[in-house]
Amino acid sequence: MKWMLSICALLFLLTGCQSQHDQEQVTRQEPAIPVMQQTQSEMKQQGFLKYKVQGSVVYIESTLQDFHLEPSPLKKDKKAGYFTVYVDGKRAGNEYTAAFVVKHLSKGKHKMTVVLNSRHPEYKQKRETWDVFVT
C-alpha cells in the first residue's frame, strides 16, 4: 500500500513539472488599453455633457448624477426630465436616455444645443450650446 502511494506521489510530481514548462513558453504581451478609456479620452466636456464627433455623427453623453430621464417631467420635486436637441436652431428631437446619437449631419460647421427639460428647480432651464465641425 505504501508502495502504491509512493508511485502516485511520484506521478503527481512529474505531471506538475510538465505544466511549468508550458508557462515558460508563453510570450509576454504589452497590456492593452481598455476600449472605454480610449472612448472617454476622445470625448470633449461641455458643461453637463460629453460629446464626440465621428464622421457625420455626434455621440453625446450626459454626466448628470442622480437624475432620471423620462418622457414628461411631472413633479417639481422629482429630479426627472428629458433632453431636447437642436441643430442650427432647428429642433432635431427629444432624447430620453443618458447617451444618444445625432446622425446625418452635413459637412461644415453646425451649432448644437441640448436643453434639459425638467421642473426641478436645480435643473430648470439648463442648456449647453457648442459648435461642431463635420469633415
N, C-alpha and C. Protein backbone atom coordinates (compact mmCIF):
# COMPACT_ATOMS: atom_id res chain seq x y z
N MET A 1 0.82 -1.19 0.00
CA MET A 1 0.00 0.00 0.00
C MET A 1 0.87 1.26 0.00
N LYS A 2 1.92 1.28 0.85
CA LYS A 2 2.82 2.42 0.87
C LYS A 2 3.53 2.57 -0.47
N TRP A 3 3.80 1.43 -1.07
CA TRP A 3 4.48 1.43 -2.36
C TRP A 3 3.62 2.11 -3.42
N MET A 4 2.31 1.87 -3.42
CA MET A 4 1.39 2.49 -4.39
C MET A 4 1.25 3.99 -4.13
N LEU A 5 1.21 4.38 -2.86
CA LEU A 5 1.14 5.80 -2.55
C LEU A 5 2.39 6.53 -3.01
N SER A 6 3.54 5.87 -2.89
CA SER A 6 4.79 6.48 -3.34
C SER A 6 4.78 6.68 -4.85
N ILE A 7 4.28 5.71 -5.59
CA ILE A 7 4.19 5.82 -7.05
C ILE A 7 3.21 6.93 -7.44
N CYS A 8 2.08 7.02 -6.75
CA CYS A 8 1.09 8.08 -7.04
C CYS A 8 1.68 9.45 -6.76
N ALA A 9 2.42 9.59 -5.67
CA ALA A 9 3.04 10.87 -5.34
C ALA A 9 4.08 11.24 -6.38
N LEU A 10 4.86 10.25 -6.84
CA LEU A 10 5.87 10.49 -7.87
C LEU A 10 5.22 10.92 -9.18
N LEU A 11 4.16 10.25 -9.58
CA LEU A 11 3.45 10.62 -10.81
C LEU A 11 2.84 12.02 -10.69
N PHE A 12 2.32 12.33 -9.54
CA PHE A 12 1.74 13.66 -9.30
C PHE A 12 2.81 14.75 -9.46
N LEU A 13 3.99 14.52 -8.91
CA LEU A 13 5.08 15.49 -9.02
C LEU A 13 5.56 15.63 -10.46
N LEU A 14 5.63 14.53 -11.19
CA LEU A 14 6.09 14.58 -12.58
C LEU A 14 5.10 15.34 -13.47
N THR A 15 3.82 15.13 -13.28
CA THR A 15 2.83 15.86 -14.10
C THR A 15 2.79 17.33 -13.71
N GLY A 16 3.07 17.64 -12.48
CA GLY A 16 3.14 19.04 -12.05
C GLY A 16 4.30 19.76 -12.70
N CYS A 17 5.43 19.08 -12.90
CA CYS A 17 6.59 19.70 -13.53
C CYS A 17 6.33 19.99 -15.00
N GLN A 18 5.55 19.17 -15.67
CA GLN A 18 5.26 19.39 -17.08
C GLN A 18 4.47 20.68 -17.29
N SER A 19 3.58 21.01 -16.39
CA SER A 19 2.79 22.23 -16.55
C SER A 19 3.66 23.48 -16.41
N GLN A 20 4.79 23.40 -15.68
CA GLN A 20 5.68 24.55 -15.56
C GLN A 20 6.36 24.84 -16.89
N HIS A 21 6.64 23.82 -17.68
CA HIS A 21 7.26 24.04 -18.99
C HIS A 21 6.32 24.80 -19.91
N ASP A 22 5.02 24.57 -19.81
CA ASP A 22 4.05 25.29 -20.63
C ASP A 22 4.03 26.77 -20.30
N GLN A 23 4.20 27.11 -19.04
CA GLN A 23 4.18 28.52 -18.64
C GLN A 23 5.37 29.28 -19.20
N GLU A 24 6.52 28.64 -19.34
CA GLU A 24 7.71 29.30 -19.85
C GLU A 24 7.56 29.63 -21.33
N GLN A 25 6.76 28.89 -22.07
CA GLN A 25 6.60 29.11 -23.49
C GLN A 25 5.67 30.27 -23.82
N VAL A 26 4.95 30.78 -22.87
CA VAL A 26 4.03 31.90 -23.10
C VAL A 26 4.85 33.16 -23.31
N THR A 27 4.58 33.87 -24.40
CA THR A 27 5.31 35.12 -24.66
C THR A 27 4.64 36.26 -23.91
N ARG A 28 5.44 37.21 -23.53
CA ARG A 28 4.92 38.35 -22.77
C ARG A 28 4.31 39.36 -23.73
N GLN A 29 3.10 39.85 -23.40
CA GLN A 29 2.42 40.83 -24.23
C GLN A 29 2.26 42.12 -23.46
N GLU A 30 2.27 43.23 -24.20
CA GLU A 30 2.05 44.53 -23.58
C GLU A 30 0.60 44.64 -23.12
N PRO A 31 0.33 45.26 -21.99
CA PRO A 31 -1.06 45.40 -21.53
C PRO A 31 -1.86 46.28 -22.49
N ALA A 32 -3.06 45.86 -22.78
CA ALA A 32 -3.93 46.61 -23.69
C ALA A 32 -4.66 47.72 -22.94
N ILE A 33 -4.92 48.81 -23.64
CA ILE A 33 -5.69 49.90 -23.06
C ILE A 33 -7.16 49.56 -23.24
N PRO A 34 -7.95 49.58 -22.19
CA PRO A 34 -9.38 49.27 -22.33
C PRO A 34 -10.07 50.21 -23.31
N VAL A 35 -11.04 49.67 -24.05
CA VAL A 35 -11.77 50.45 -25.05
C VAL A 35 -12.50 51.62 -24.42
N MET A 36 -13.07 51.43 -23.23
CA MET A 36 -13.82 52.50 -22.58
C MET A 36 -12.93 53.70 -22.28
N GLN A 37 -11.66 53.46 -21.90
CA GLN A 37 -10.74 54.56 -21.62
C GLN A 37 -10.43 55.31 -22.90
N GLN A 38 -10.26 54.60 -24.03
CA GLN A 38 -9.97 55.26 -25.29
C GLN A 38 -11.12 56.17 -25.69
N THR A 39 -12.34 55.69 -25.56
CA THR A 39 -13.50 56.48 -25.93
C THR A 39 -13.64 57.71 -25.05
N GLN A 40 -13.48 57.56 -23.76
CA GLN A 40 -13.64 58.69 -22.86
C GLN A 40 -12.56 59.73 -23.08
N SER A 41 -11.35 59.31 -23.43
CA SER A 41 -10.27 60.28 -23.61
C SER A 41 -10.50 61.11 -24.86
N GLU A 42 -11.24 60.61 -25.84
CA GLU A 42 -11.50 61.34 -27.07
C GLU A 42 -12.72 62.26 -26.93
N MET A 43 -13.54 62.06 -25.93
CA MET A 43 -14.74 62.86 -25.78
C MET A 43 -14.41 64.21 -25.15
N LYS A 44 -15.09 65.26 -25.61
CA LYS A 44 -14.89 66.61 -25.09
C LYS A 44 -15.99 66.93 -24.09
N GLN A 45 -15.63 67.63 -23.03
CA GLN A 45 -16.59 68.02 -22.00
C GLN A 45 -17.21 69.36 -22.35
N GLN A 46 -18.52 69.46 -22.27
CA GLN A 46 -19.25 70.71 -22.48
C GLN A 46 -20.31 70.81 -21.40
N GLY A 47 -19.98 71.44 -20.27
CA GLY A 47 -20.93 71.56 -19.18
C GLY A 47 -21.33 70.21 -18.62
N PHE A 48 -22.63 69.90 -18.64
CA PHE A 48 -23.11 68.63 -18.12
C PHE A 48 -23.14 67.54 -19.18
N LEU A 49 -22.50 67.80 -20.34
CA LEU A 49 -22.47 66.83 -21.43
C LEU A 49 -21.04 66.54 -21.87
N LYS A 50 -20.85 65.34 -22.43
CA LYS A 50 -19.63 64.99 -23.14
C LYS A 50 -20.06 64.68 -24.57
N TYR A 51 -19.21 65.05 -25.54
CA TYR A 51 -19.57 64.74 -26.92
C TYR A 51 -18.34 64.38 -27.72
N LYS A 52 -18.59 63.69 -28.83
CA LYS A 52 -17.52 63.27 -29.73
C LYS A 52 -18.08 63.27 -31.14
N VAL A 53 -17.34 63.85 -32.09
CA VAL A 53 -17.74 63.88 -33.49
C VAL A 53 -16.95 62.81 -34.22
N GLN A 54 -17.67 61.96 -34.96
CA GLN A 54 -17.01 60.92 -35.74
C GLN A 54 -17.74 60.83 -37.08
N GLY A 55 -17.11 61.35 -38.12
CA GLY A 55 -17.75 61.40 -39.43
C GLY A 55 -18.90 62.40 -39.38
N SER A 56 -20.08 61.98 -39.80
CA SER A 56 -21.26 62.85 -39.78
C SER A 56 -22.15 62.56 -38.57
N VAL A 57 -21.58 61.93 -37.56
CA VAL A 57 -22.33 61.52 -36.37
C VAL A 57 -21.73 62.20 -35.14
N VAL A 58 -22.61 62.66 -34.23
CA VAL A 58 -22.17 63.23 -32.96
C VAL A 58 -22.70 62.34 -31.85
N TYR A 59 -21.79 61.82 -31.03
CA TYR A 59 -22.13 60.99 -29.88
C TYR A 59 -22.18 61.91 -28.65
N ILE A 60 -23.29 61.90 -27.94
CA ILE A 60 -23.48 62.78 -26.78
C ILE A 60 -23.81 61.92 -25.56
N GLU A 61 -23.19 62.29 -24.44
CA GLU A 61 -23.40 61.55 -23.19
C GLU A 61 -23.60 62.54 -22.05
N SER A 62 -24.61 62.30 -21.23
CA SER A 62 -24.90 63.16 -20.08
C SER A 62 -24.04 62.75 -18.89
N THR A 63 -23.56 63.74 -18.14
CA THR A 63 -22.78 63.46 -16.93
C THR A 63 -23.57 63.84 -15.67
N LEU A 64 -24.88 64.02 -15.80
CA LEU A 64 -25.71 64.36 -14.64
C LEU A 64 -25.78 63.19 -13.67
N GLN A 65 -25.69 63.49 -12.39
CA GLN A 65 -25.77 62.46 -11.35
C GLN A 65 -27.15 62.52 -10.69
N ASP A 66 -27.68 61.36 -10.33
CA ASP A 66 -28.96 61.27 -9.61
C ASP A 66 -30.10 61.96 -10.36
N PHE A 67 -30.14 61.79 -11.67
CA PHE A 67 -31.19 62.39 -12.49
C PHE A 67 -31.82 61.30 -13.33
N HIS A 68 -33.15 61.22 -13.32
CA HIS A 68 -33.89 60.18 -14.03
C HIS A 68 -34.46 60.76 -15.32
N LEU A 69 -34.20 60.10 -16.44
CA LEU A 69 -34.73 60.57 -17.72
C LEU A 69 -36.03 59.85 -18.04
N GLU A 70 -37.06 60.63 -18.36
CA GLU A 70 -38.38 60.07 -18.68
C GLU A 70 -39.09 61.03 -19.63
N PRO A 71 -40.13 60.56 -20.32
CA PRO A 71 -40.79 61.37 -21.36
C PRO A 71 -41.40 62.68 -20.89
N SER A 72 -41.91 62.76 -19.69
CA SER A 72 -42.53 64.03 -19.27
C SER A 72 -42.15 64.36 -17.83
N PRO A 73 -41.68 65.58 -17.59
CA PRO A 73 -41.36 65.98 -16.22
C PRO A 73 -42.65 66.27 -15.45
N LEU A 74 -43.01 65.42 -14.50
CA LEU A 74 -44.30 65.53 -13.83
C LEU A 74 -44.26 66.38 -12.56
N LYS A 75 -43.34 66.09 -11.65
CA LYS A 75 -43.34 66.75 -10.35
C LYS A 75 -42.14 67.68 -10.23
N LYS A 76 -42.33 68.80 -9.54
CA LYS A 76 -41.25 69.76 -9.35
C LYS A 76 -40.16 69.23 -8.43
N ASP A 77 -40.54 68.40 -7.46
CA ASP A 77 -39.54 67.92 -6.50
C ASP A 77 -38.78 66.70 -7.00
N LYS A 78 -39.17 66.13 -8.13
CA LYS A 78 -38.52 64.94 -8.66
C LYS A 78 -37.43 65.34 -9.65
N LYS A 79 -36.24 64.78 -9.49
CA LYS A 79 -35.13 65.05 -10.41
C LYS A 79 -35.32 64.19 -11.65
N ALA A 80 -36.18 64.66 -12.55
CA ALA A 80 -36.50 63.90 -13.75
C ALA A 80 -36.75 64.87 -14.90
N GLY A 81 -36.61 64.35 -16.11
CA GLY A 81 -36.86 65.16 -17.29
C GLY A 81 -36.35 64.48 -18.54
N TYR A 82 -36.11 65.27 -19.59
CA TYR A 82 -35.63 64.75 -20.86
C TYR A 82 -34.85 65.84 -21.59
N PHE A 83 -34.14 65.46 -22.65
CA PHE A 83 -33.35 66.40 -23.43
C PHE A 83 -34.07 66.75 -24.72
N THR A 84 -33.96 68.01 -25.15
CA THR A 84 -34.38 68.41 -26.48
C THR A 84 -33.13 68.86 -27.22
N VAL A 85 -32.93 68.32 -28.42
CA VAL A 85 -31.72 68.58 -29.20
C VAL A 85 -32.06 69.50 -30.36
N TYR A 86 -31.23 70.54 -30.54
CA TYR A 86 -31.38 71.47 -31.65
C TYR A 86 -30.08 71.47 -32.46
N VAL A 87 -30.21 71.46 -33.78
CA VAL A 87 -29.06 71.58 -34.68
C VAL A 87 -29.30 72.78 -35.57
N ASP A 88 -28.41 73.76 -35.50
CA ASP A 88 -28.54 75.01 -36.27
C ASP A 88 -29.87 75.70 -36.00
N GLY A 89 -30.33 75.67 -34.77
CA GLY A 89 -31.56 76.34 -34.38
C GLY A 89 -32.83 75.57 -34.68
N LYS A 90 -32.74 74.44 -35.36
CA LYS A 90 -33.92 73.62 -35.68
C LYS A 90 -33.98 72.43 -34.74
N ARG A 91 -35.18 72.16 -34.26
CA ARG A 91 -35.37 71.05 -33.32
C ARG A 91 -35.12 69.72 -34.02
N ALA A 92 -34.19 68.93 -33.47
CA ALA A 92 -33.86 67.62 -34.04
C ALA A 92 -34.63 66.50 -33.34
N GLY A 93 -35.13 66.76 -32.13
CA GLY A 93 -35.92 65.74 -31.43
C GLY A 93 -35.66 65.72 -29.94
N ASN A 94 -36.41 64.86 -29.26
CA ASN A 94 -36.26 64.67 -27.82
C ASN A 94 -35.51 63.37 -27.56
N GLU A 95 -34.74 63.36 -26.49
CA GLU A 95 -33.98 62.17 -26.10
C GLU A 95 -34.29 61.83 -24.65
N TYR A 96 -34.48 60.53 -24.39
CA TYR A 96 -34.87 60.07 -23.06
C TYR A 96 -33.84 59.13 -22.43
N THR A 97 -32.63 59.11 -22.99
CA THR A 97 -31.55 58.28 -22.46
C THR A 97 -30.33 59.15 -22.15
N ALA A 98 -29.45 58.65 -21.29
CA ALA A 98 -28.27 59.43 -20.88
C ALA A 98 -27.24 59.55 -22.00
N ALA A 99 -27.23 58.61 -22.93
CA ALA A 99 -26.32 58.67 -24.08
C ALA A 99 -27.16 58.54 -25.35
N PHE A 100 -26.87 59.40 -26.32
CA PHE A 100 -27.63 59.35 -27.56
C PHE A 100 -26.77 59.83 -28.72
N VAL A 101 -27.28 59.67 -29.95
CA VAL A 101 -26.52 59.95 -31.16
C VAL A 101 -27.32 60.88 -32.05
N VAL A 102 -26.65 61.88 -32.63
CA VAL A 102 -27.25 62.73 -33.65
C VAL A 102 -26.56 62.36 -34.96
N LYS A 103 -27.34 61.85 -35.92
CA LYS A 103 -26.78 61.31 -37.17
C LYS A 103 -27.03 62.24 -38.35
N HIS A 104 -26.34 61.94 -39.42
CA HIS A 104 -26.55 62.53 -40.75
C HIS A 104 -26.36 64.04 -40.78
N LEU A 105 -25.32 64.55 -40.14
CA LEU A 105 -25.02 65.97 -40.23
C LEU A 105 -24.24 66.21 -41.52
N SER A 106 -24.57 67.29 -42.20
CA SER A 106 -23.85 67.63 -43.43
C SER A 106 -22.48 68.19 -43.09
N LYS A 107 -21.58 68.21 -44.07
CA LYS A 107 -20.24 68.73 -43.85
C LYS A 107 -20.30 70.21 -43.54
N GLY A 108 -19.42 70.64 -42.65
CA GLY A 108 -19.36 72.05 -42.29
C GLY A 108 -19.56 72.28 -40.81
N LYS A 109 -19.81 73.55 -40.47
CA LYS A 109 -19.96 73.95 -39.08
C LYS A 109 -21.44 73.94 -38.70
N HIS A 110 -21.73 73.38 -37.53
CA HIS A 110 -23.10 73.32 -37.01
C HIS A 110 -23.10 73.79 -35.57
N LYS A 111 -24.17 74.45 -35.16
CA LYS A 111 -24.35 74.86 -33.77
C LYS A 111 -25.32 73.88 -33.13
N MET A 112 -24.84 73.17 -32.12
CA MET A 112 -25.68 72.20 -31.42
C MET A 112 -26.08 72.77 -30.07
N THR A 113 -27.34 72.57 -29.72
CA THR A 113 -27.86 72.97 -28.41
C THR A 113 -28.63 71.80 -27.83
N VAL A 114 -28.35 71.50 -26.57
CA VAL A 114 -29.10 70.47 -25.85
C VAL A 114 -29.72 71.14 -24.63
N VAL A 115 -31.05 71.07 -24.55
CA VAL A 115 -31.80 71.68 -23.46
C VAL A 115 -32.32 70.58 -22.56
N LEU A 116 -32.11 70.74 -21.26
CA LEU A 116 -32.65 69.80 -20.28
C LEU A 116 -34.01 70.30 -19.83
N ASN A 117 -35.05 69.54 -20.13
CA ASN A 117 -36.42 69.90 -19.75
C ASN A 117 -36.76 69.22 -18.43
N SER A 118 -36.87 70.02 -17.37
CA SER A 118 -37.18 69.50 -16.05
C SER A 118 -37.89 70.59 -15.25
N ARG A 119 -38.77 70.17 -14.34
CA ARG A 119 -39.45 71.14 -13.48
C ARG A 119 -38.74 71.30 -12.14
N HIS A 120 -37.72 70.49 -11.90
CA HIS A 120 -36.95 70.59 -10.65
C HIS A 120 -36.15 71.90 -10.66
N PRO A 121 -36.19 72.68 -9.58
CA PRO A 121 -35.51 73.99 -9.56
C PRO A 121 -34.01 73.93 -9.85
N GLU A 122 -33.37 72.86 -9.45
CA GLU A 122 -31.92 72.73 -9.66
C GLU A 122 -31.57 72.53 -11.14
N TYR A 123 -32.47 71.95 -11.92
CA TYR A 123 -32.19 71.60 -13.31
C TYR A 123 -33.02 72.40 -14.32
N LYS A 124 -33.85 73.30 -13.85
CA LYS A 124 -34.73 74.07 -14.74
C LYS A 124 -33.90 75.00 -15.63
N GLN A 125 -34.25 75.06 -16.90
CA GLN A 125 -33.61 75.93 -17.89
C GLN A 125 -32.11 75.65 -18.05
N LYS A 126 -31.70 74.42 -17.90
CA LYS A 126 -30.30 74.07 -18.09
C LYS A 126 -30.09 73.73 -19.56
N ARG A 127 -29.06 74.33 -20.17
CA ARG A 127 -28.79 74.08 -21.59
C ARG A 127 -27.31 74.21 -21.87
N GLU A 128 -26.86 73.55 -22.92
CA GLU A 128 -25.48 73.65 -23.38
C GLU A 128 -25.50 73.88 -24.89
N THR A 129 -24.64 74.79 -25.36
CA THR A 129 -24.53 75.10 -26.79
C THR A 129 -23.06 75.06 -27.17
N TRP A 130 -22.76 74.45 -28.31
CA TRP A 130 -21.38 74.39 -28.79
C TRP A 130 -21.38 74.22 -30.30
N ASP A 131 -20.22 74.49 -30.91
CA ASP A 131 -20.05 74.34 -32.36
C ASP A 131 -19.45 72.98 -32.67
N VAL A 132 -19.95 72.36 -33.75
CA VAL A 132 -19.47 71.07 -34.20
C VAL A 132 -18.98 71.23 -35.63
N PHE A 133 -17.81 70.69 -35.92
CA PHE A 133 -17.26 70.74 -37.28
C PHE A 133 -17.26 69.33 -37.86
N VAL A 134 -18.03 69.14 -38.94
CA VAL A 134 -18.13 67.85 -39.60
C VAL A 134 -17.27 67.91 -40.86
N THR A 135 -16.35 66.95 -41.00
CA THR A 135 -15.46 66.94 -42.17
C THR A 135 -15.81 65.82 -43.11
